[in-house]
Amino acid sequence: MKAILSFYSDALKIALQSIFAHKLRAFLTLIGIIIGVASVVTVGASISGLNTYVIERISFSAVITS
């Protein structure tokens, strides 16, 4: 158990050292992740909104024609 904890603490220490040694790379990676998540959320919301709009228009035209 102690060996596993030691392994993860060493891995975390190395990861943090790498992040602080390469600040620009870490910043650009973070910006890329933020932009990617925001674009996926935006596309999902747009598709959902368009789906709702189309369903409303179809049901509205069905009421008018009947």
PDB file of N, CA and C in Angstrom:
ATOM      1  N   MET A   1       0.827  -1.199   0.000  1.00  0.00           N
ATOM      2  CA  MET A   1       0.000   0.000   0.000  1.00  0.00           C
ATOM      3  C   MET A   1       0.865   1.255   0.000  1.00  0.00           C
ATOM      4  N   LYS A   2       1.914   1.212   0.804  1.00  0.00           N
ATOM      5  CA  LYS A   2       2.809   2.363   0.897  1.00  0.00           C
ATOM      6  C   LYS A   2       3.539   2.599  -0.428  1.00  0.00           C
ATOM      7  N   ALA A   3       3.866   1.511  -1.135  1.00  0.00           N
ATOM      8  CA  ALA A   3       4.552   1.626  -2.418  1.00  0.00           C
ATOM      9  C   ALA A   3       3.648   2.288  -3.458  1.00  0.00           C
ATOM     10  N   ILE A   4       2.363   1.958  -3.430  1.00  0.00           N
ATOM     11  CA  ILE A   4       1.420   2.558  -4.377  1.00  0.00           C
ATOM     12  C   ILE A   4       1.278   4.052  -4.107  1.00  0.00           C
ATOM     13  N   LEU A   5       1.156   4.405  -2.827  1.00  0.00           N
ATOM     14  CA  LEU A   5       1.042   5.812  -2.457  1.00  0.00           C
ATOM     15  C   LEU A   5       2.301   6.575  -2.857  1.00  0.00           C
ATOM     16  N   SER A   6       3.449   5.961  -2.649  1.00  0.00           N
ATOM     17  CA  SER A   6       4.710   6.576  -3.023  1.00  0.00           C
ATOM     18  C   SER A   6       4.806   6.762  -4.540  1.00  0.00           C
ATOM     19  N   PHE A   7       4.321   5.782  -5.289  1.00  0.00           N
ATOM     20  CA  PHE A   7       4.337   5.871  -6.750  1.00  0.00           C
ATOM     21  C   PHE A   7       3.503   7.057  -7.230  1.00  0.00           C
ATOM     22  N   TYR A   8       2.285   7.188  -6.702  1.00  0.00           N
ATOM     23  CA  TYR A   8       1.406   8.274  -7.132  1.00  0.00           C
ATOM     24  C   TYR A   8       1.904   9.639  -6.669  1.00  0.00           C
ATOM     25  N   SER A   9       2.484   9.716  -5.503  1.00  0.00           N
ATOM     26  CA  SER A   9       3.016  10.999  -5.046  1.00  0.00           C
ATOM     27  C   SER A   9       4.223  11.411  -5.889  1.00  0.00           C
ATOM     28  N   ASP A  10       5.058  10.441  -6.270  1.00  0.00           N
ATOM     29  CA  ASP A  10       6.187  10.748  -7.155  1.00  0.00           C
ATOM     30  C   ASP A  10       5.692  11.183  -8.538  1.00  0.00           C
ATOM     31  N   ALA A  11       4.673  10.501  -9.041  1.00  0.00           N
ATOM     32  CA  ALA A  11       4.120  10.858 -10.350  1.00  0.00           C
ATOM     33  C   ALA A  11       3.533  12.261 -10.320  1.00  0.00           C
ATOM     34  N   LEU A  12       2.821  12.606  -9.253  1.00  0.00           N
ATOM     35  CA  LEU A  12       2.249  13.953  -9.116  1.00  0.00           C
ATOM     36  C   LEU A  12       3.349  15.004  -9.036  1.00  0.00           C
ATOM     37  N   LYS A  13       4.408  14.704  -8.294  1.00  0.00           N
ATOM     38  CA  LYS A  13       5.537  15.636  -8.161  1.00  0.00           C
ATOM     39  C   LYS A  13       6.195  15.882  -9.519  1.00  0.00           C
ATOM     40  N   ILE A  14       6.410  14.832 -10.287  1.00  0.00           N
ATOM     41  CA  ILE A  14       7.027  14.968 -11.616  1.00  0.00           C
ATOM     42  C   ILE A  14       6.106  15.746 -12.554  1.00  0.00           C
ATOM     43  N   ALA A  15       4.805  15.470 -12.479  1.00  0.00           N
ATOM     44  CA  ALA A  15       3.848  16.163 -13.345  1.00  0.00           C
ATOM     45  C   ALA A  15       3.818  17.653 -13.036  1.00  0.00           C
ATOM     46  N   LEU A  16       3.791  18.006 -11.762  1.00  0.00           N
ATOM     47  CA  LEU A  16       3.767  19.427 -11.389  1.00  0.00           C
ATOM     48  C   LEU A  16       5.064  20.124 -11.781  1.00  0.00           C
ATOM     49  N   GLN A  17       6.183  19.438 -11.636  1.00  0.00           N
ATOM     50  CA  GLN A  17       7.458  20.023 -12.056  1.00  0.00           C
ATOM     51  C   GLN A  17       7.459  20.280 -13.558  1.00  0.00           C
ATOM     52  N   SER A  18       6.898  19.362 -14.315  1.00  0.00           N
ATOM     53  CA  SER A  18       6.833  19.521 -15.766  1.00  0.00           C
ATOM     54  C   SER A  18       5.929  20.684 -16.158  1.00  0.00           C
ATOM     55  N   ILE A  19       4.795  20.809 -15.463  1.00  0.00           N
ATOM     56  CA  ILE A  19       3.872  21.910 -15.767  1.00  0.00           C
ATOM     57  C   ILE A  19       4.533  23.254 -15.486  1.00  0.00           C
ATOM     58  N   PHE A  20       5.197  23.367 -14.331  1.00  0.00           N
ATOM     59  CA  PHE A  20       5.826  24.630 -13.989  1.00  0.00           C
ATOM     60  C   PHE A  20       7.064  24.921 -14.840  1.00  0.00           C
ATOM     61  N   ALA A  21       7.697  23.896 -15.371  1.00  0.00           N
ATOM     62  CA  ALA A  21       8.863  24.101 -16.229  1.00  0.00           C
ATOM     63  C   ALA A  21       8.447  24.550 -17.632  1.00  0.00           C
ATOM     64  N   HIS A  22       7.253  24.165 -18.066  1.00  0.00           N
ATOM     65  CA  HIS A  22       6.773  24.488 -19.410  1.00  0.00           C
ATOM     66  C   HIS A  22       5.431  25.210 -19.297  1.00  0.00           C
ATOM     67  N   LYS A  23       5.479  26.434 -18.789  1.00  0.00           N
ATOM     68  CA  LYS A  23       4.250  27.187 -18.518  1.00  0.00           C
ATOM     69  C   LYS A  23       3.483  27.528 -19.776  1.00  0.00           C
ATOM     70  N   LEU A  24       4.163  27.912 -20.843  1.00  0.00           N
ATOM     71  CA  LEU A  24       3.475  28.276 -22.074  1.00  0.00           C
ATOM     72  C   LEU A  24       2.763  27.074 -22.664  1.00  0.00           C
ATOM     73  N   ARG A  25       3.424  25.935 -22.681  1.00  0.00           N
ATOM     74  CA  ARG A  25       2.802  24.724 -23.212  1.00  0.00           C
ATOM     75  C   ARG A  25       1.575  24.329 -22.384  1.00  0.00           C
ATOM     76  N   ALA A  26       1.677  24.451 -21.067  1.00  0.00           N
ATOM     77  CA  ALA A  26       0.554  24.130 -20.195  1.00  0.00           C
ATOM     78  C   ALA A  26      -0.599  25.100 -20.428  1.00  0.00           C
ATOM     79  N   PHE A  27      -0.286  26.375 -20.604  1.00  0.00           N
ATOM     80  CA  PHE A  27      -1.316  27.386 -20.852  1.00  0.00           C
ATOM     81  C   PHE A  27      -2.014  27.133 -22.187  1.00  0.00           C
ATOM     82  N   LEU A  28      -1.253  26.843 -23.225  1.00  0.00           N
ATOM     83  CA  LEU A  28      -1.847  26.595 -24.534  1.00  0.00           C
ATOM     84  C   LEU A  28      -2.699  25.327 -24.531  1.00  0.00           C
ATOM     85  N   THR A  29      -2.268  24.319 -23.798  1.00  0.00           N
ATOM     86  CA  THR A  29      -3.059  23.101 -23.673  1.00  0.00           C
ATOM     87  C   THR A  29      -4.371  23.384 -22.963  1.00  0.00           C
ATOM     88  N   LEU A  30      -4.310  24.165 -21.908  1.00  0.00           N
ATOM     89  CA  LEU A  30      -5.513  24.524 -21.163  1.00  0.00           C
ATOM     90  C   LEU A  30      -6.481  25.322 -22.035  1.00  0.00           C
ATOM     91  N   ILE A  31      -5.964  26.269 -22.799  1.00  0.00           N
ATOM     92  CA  ILE A  31      -6.812  27.057 -23.701  1.00  0.00           C
ATOM     93  C   ILE A  31      -7.443  26.152 -24.751  1.00  0.00           C
ATOM     94  N   GLY A  32      -6.689  25.205 -25.283  1.00  0.00           N
ATOM     95  CA  GLY A  32      -7.227  24.280 -26.275  1.00  0.00           C
ATOM     96  C   GLY A  32      -8.348  23.424 -25.712  1.00  0.00           C
ATOM     97  N   ILE A  33      -8.185  22.966 -24.493  1.00  0.00           N
ATOM     98  CA  ILE A  33      -9.232  22.158 -23.858  1.00  0.00           C
ATOM     99  C   ILE A  33     -10.477  22.998 -23.623  1.00  0.00           C
ATOM    100  N   ILE A  34     -10.312  24.223 -23.156  1.00  0.00           N
ATOM    101  CA  ILE A  34     -11.460  25.102 -22.903  1.00  0.00           C
ATOM    102  C   ILE A  34     -12.205  25.393 -24.194  1.00  0.00           C
ATOM    103  N   ILE A  35     -11.485  25.716 -25.263  1.00  0.00           N
ATOM    104  CA  ILE A  35     -12.127  26.010 -26.549  1.00  0.00           C
ATOM    105  C   ILE A  35     -12.828  24.763 -27.086  1.00  0.00           C
ATOM    106  N   GLY A  36     -12.207  23.610 -26.958  1.00  0.00           N
ATOM    107  CA  GLY A  36     -12.814  22.374 -27.436  1.00  0.00           C
ATOM    108  C   GLY A  36     -14.103  22.033 -26.704  1.00  0.00           C
ATOM    109  N   VAL A  37     -14.094  22.141 -25.398  1.00  0.00           N
ATOM    110  CA  VAL A  37     -15.306  21.848 -24.615  1.00  0.00           C
ATOM    111  C   VAL A  37     -16.402  22.862 -24.933  1.00  0.00           C
ATOM    112  N   ALA A  38     -16.030  24.130 -25.043  1.00  0.00           N
ATOM    113  CA  ALA A  38     -17.023  25.161 -25.353  1.00  0.00           C
ATOM    114  C   ALA A  38     -17.642  24.936 -26.726  1.00  0.00           C
ATOM    115  N   SER A  39     -16.852  24.514 -27.697  1.00  0.00           N
ATOM    116  CA  SER A  39     -17.403  24.282 -29.032  1.00  0.00           C
ATOM    117  C   SER A  39     -18.337  23.079 -29.051  1.00  0.00           C
ATOM    118  N   VAL A  40     -18.011  22.034 -28.312  1.00  0.00           N
ATOM    119  CA  VAL A  40     -18.888  20.860 -28.247  1.00  0.00           C
ATOM    120  C   VAL A  40     -20.208  21.226 -27.570  1.00  0.00           C
ATOM    121  N   VAL A  41     -20.154  21.995 -26.505  1.00  0.00           N
ATOM    122  CA  VAL A  41     -21.381  22.423 -25.815  1.00  0.00           C
ATOM    123  C   VAL A  41     -22.220  23.310 -26.728  1.00  0.00           C
ATOM    124  N   THR A  42     -21.577  24.210 -27.460  1.00  0.00           N
ATOM    125  CA  THR A  42     -22.300  25.100 -28.367  1.00  0.00           C
ATOM    126  C   THR A  42     -22.975  24.325 -29.487  1.00  0.00           C
ATOM    127  N   VAL A  43     -22.278  23.391 -30.081  1.00  0.00           N
ATOM    128  CA  VAL A  43     -22.870  22.585 -31.156  1.00  0.00           C
ATOM    129  C   VAL A  43     -24.030  21.752 -30.617  1.00  0.00           C
ATOM    130  N   GLY A  44     -23.875  21.172 -29.452  1.00  0.00           N
ATOM    131  CA  GLY A  44     -24.953  20.396 -28.855  1.00  0.00           C
ATOM    132  C   GLY A  44     -26.178  21.235 -28.577  1.00  0.00           C
ATOM    133  N   ALA A  45     -25.981  22.434 -28.048  1.00  0.00           N
ATOM    134  CA  ALA A  45     -27.112  23.322 -27.766  1.00  0.00           C
ATOM    135  C   ALA A  45     -27.772  23.780 -29.060  1.00  0.00           C
ATOM    136  N   SER A  46     -26.981  24.030 -30.090  1.00  0.00           N
ATOM    137  CA  SER A  46     -27.544  24.454 -31.377  1.00  0.00           C
ATOM    138  C   SER A  46     -28.387  23.343 -31.997  1.00  0.00           C
ATOM    139  N   ILE A  47     -27.906  22.134 -31.948  1.00  0.00           N
ATOM    140  CA  ILE A  47     -28.659  21.010 -32.510  1.00  0.00           C
ATOM    141  C   ILE A  47     -29.964  20.816 -31.737  1.00  0.00           C
ATOM    142  N   SER A  48     -29.897  20.921 -30.421  1.00  0.00           N
ATOM    143  CA  SER A  48     -31.095  20.767 -29.600  1.00  0.00           C
ATOM    144  C   SER A  48     -32.099  21.875 -29.902  1.00  0.00           C
ATOM    145  N   GLY A  49     -31.613  23.096 -30.029  1.00  0.00           N
ATOM    146  CA  GLY A  49     -32.497  24.214 -30.344  1.00  0.00           C
ATOM    147  C   GLY A  49     -33.124  24.087 -31.717  1.00  0.00           C
ATOM    148  N   LEU A  50     -32.350  23.677 -32.700  1.00  0.00           N
ATOM    149  CA  LEU A  50     -32.895  23.487 -34.047  1.00  0.00           C
ATOM    150  C   LEU A  50     -33.910  22.356 -34.078  1.00  0.00           C
ATOM    151  N   ASN A  51     -33.650  21.297 -33.332  1.00  0.00           N
ATOM    152  CA  ASN A  51     -34.585  20.177 -33.265  1.00  0.00           C
ATOM    153  C   ASN A  51     -35.921  20.637 -32.685  1.00  0.00           C
ATOM    154  N   THR A  52     -35.876  21.409 -31.620  1.00  0.00           N
ATOM    155  CA  THR A  52     -37.100  21.935 -31.014  1.00  0.00           C
ATOM    156  C   THR A  52     -37.829  22.854 -31.981  1.00  0.00           C
ATOM    157  N   TYR A  53     -37.111  23.704 -32.677  1.00  0.00           N
ATOM    158  CA  TYR A  53     -37.711  24.629 -33.634  1.00  0.00           C
ATOM    159  C   TYR A  53     -38.405  23.872 -34.762  1.00  0.00           C
ATOM    160  N   VAL A  54     -37.754  22.858 -35.302  1.00  0.00           N
ATOM    161  CA  VAL A  54     -38.333  22.084 -36.402  1.00  0.00           C
ATOM    162  C   VAL A  54     -39.586  21.347 -35.941  1.00  0.00           C
ATOM    163  N   ILE A  55     -39.550  20.769 -34.766  1.00  0.00           N
ATOM    164  CA  ILE A  55     -40.727  20.062 -34.249  1.00  0.00           C
ATOM    165  C   ILE A  55     -41.887  21.036 -34.053  1.00  0.00           C
ATOM    166  N   GLU A  56     -41.633  22.220 -33.529  1.00  0.00           N
ATOM    167  CA  GLU A  56     -42.686  23.216 -33.349  1.00  0.00           C
ATOM    168  C   GLU A  56     -43.264  23.656 -34.687  1.00  0.00           C
ATOM    169  N   ARG A  57     -42.407  23.861 -35.670  1.00  0.00           N
ATOM    170  CA  ARG A  57     -42.880  24.298 -36.992  1.00  0.00           C
ATOM    171  C   ARG A  57     -43.708  23.197 -37.652  1.00  0.00           C
ATOM    172  N   ILE A  58     -43.292  21.950 -37.518  1.00  0.00           N
ATOM    173  CA  ILE A  58     -44.049  20.849 -38.122  1.00  0.00           C
ATOM    174  C   ILE A  58     -45.415  20.722 -37.443  1.00  0.00           C
ATOM    175  N   SER A  59     -45.452  20.802 -36.125  1.00  0.00           N
ATOM    176  CA  SER A  59     -46.722  20.666 -35.424  1.00  0.00           C
ATOM    177  C   SER A  59     -47.625  21.876 -35.705  1.00  0.00           C
ATOM    178  N   PHE A  60     -47.042  23.060 -35.851  1.00  0.00           N
ATOM    179  CA  PHE A  60     -47.822  24.265 -36.169  1.00  0.00           C
ATOM    180  C   PHE A  60     -48.415  24.150 -37.578  1.00  0.00           C
ATOM    181  N   SER A  61     -47.638  23.674 -38.545  1.00  0.00           N
ATOM    182  CA  SER A  61     -48.154  23.532 -39.907  1.00  0.00           C
ATOM    183  C   SER A  61     -49.186  22.423 -39.984  1.00  0.00           C
ATOM    184  N   ALA A  62     -49.076  21.404 -39.141  1.00  0.00           N
ATOM    185  CA  ALA A  62     -50.079  20.327 -39.120  1.00  0.00           C
ATOM    186  C   ALA A  62     -51.411  20.839 -38.590  1.00  0.00           C
ATOM    187  N   VAL A  63     -51.351  21.782 -37.625  1.00  0.00           N
ATOM    188  CA  VAL A  63     -52.585  22.362 -37.069  1.00  0.00           C
ATOM    189  C   VAL A  63     -53.247  23.238 -38.116  1.00  0.00           C
ATOM    190  N   ILE A  64     -52.476  23.987 -38.884  1.00  0.00           N
ATOM    191  CA  ILE A  64     -53.033  24.891 -39.898  1.00  0.00           C
ATOM    192  C   ILE A  64     -53.667  24.102 -41.045  1.00  0.00           C
ATOM    193  N   THR A  65     -53.034  23.030 -41.481  1.00  0.00           N
ATOM    194  CA  THR A  65     -53.537  22.289 -42.638  1.00  0.00           C
ATOM    195  C   THR A  65     -54.724  21.405 -42.288  1.00  0.00           C
ATOM    196  N   SER A  66     -54.953  21.077 -41.032  1.00  0.00           N
ATOM    197  CA  SER A  66     -56.078  20.188 -40.706  1.00  0.00           C
ATOM    198  C   SER A  66     -57.346  20.922 -40.395  1.00  0.00           C
TER     199      SER A  66
END
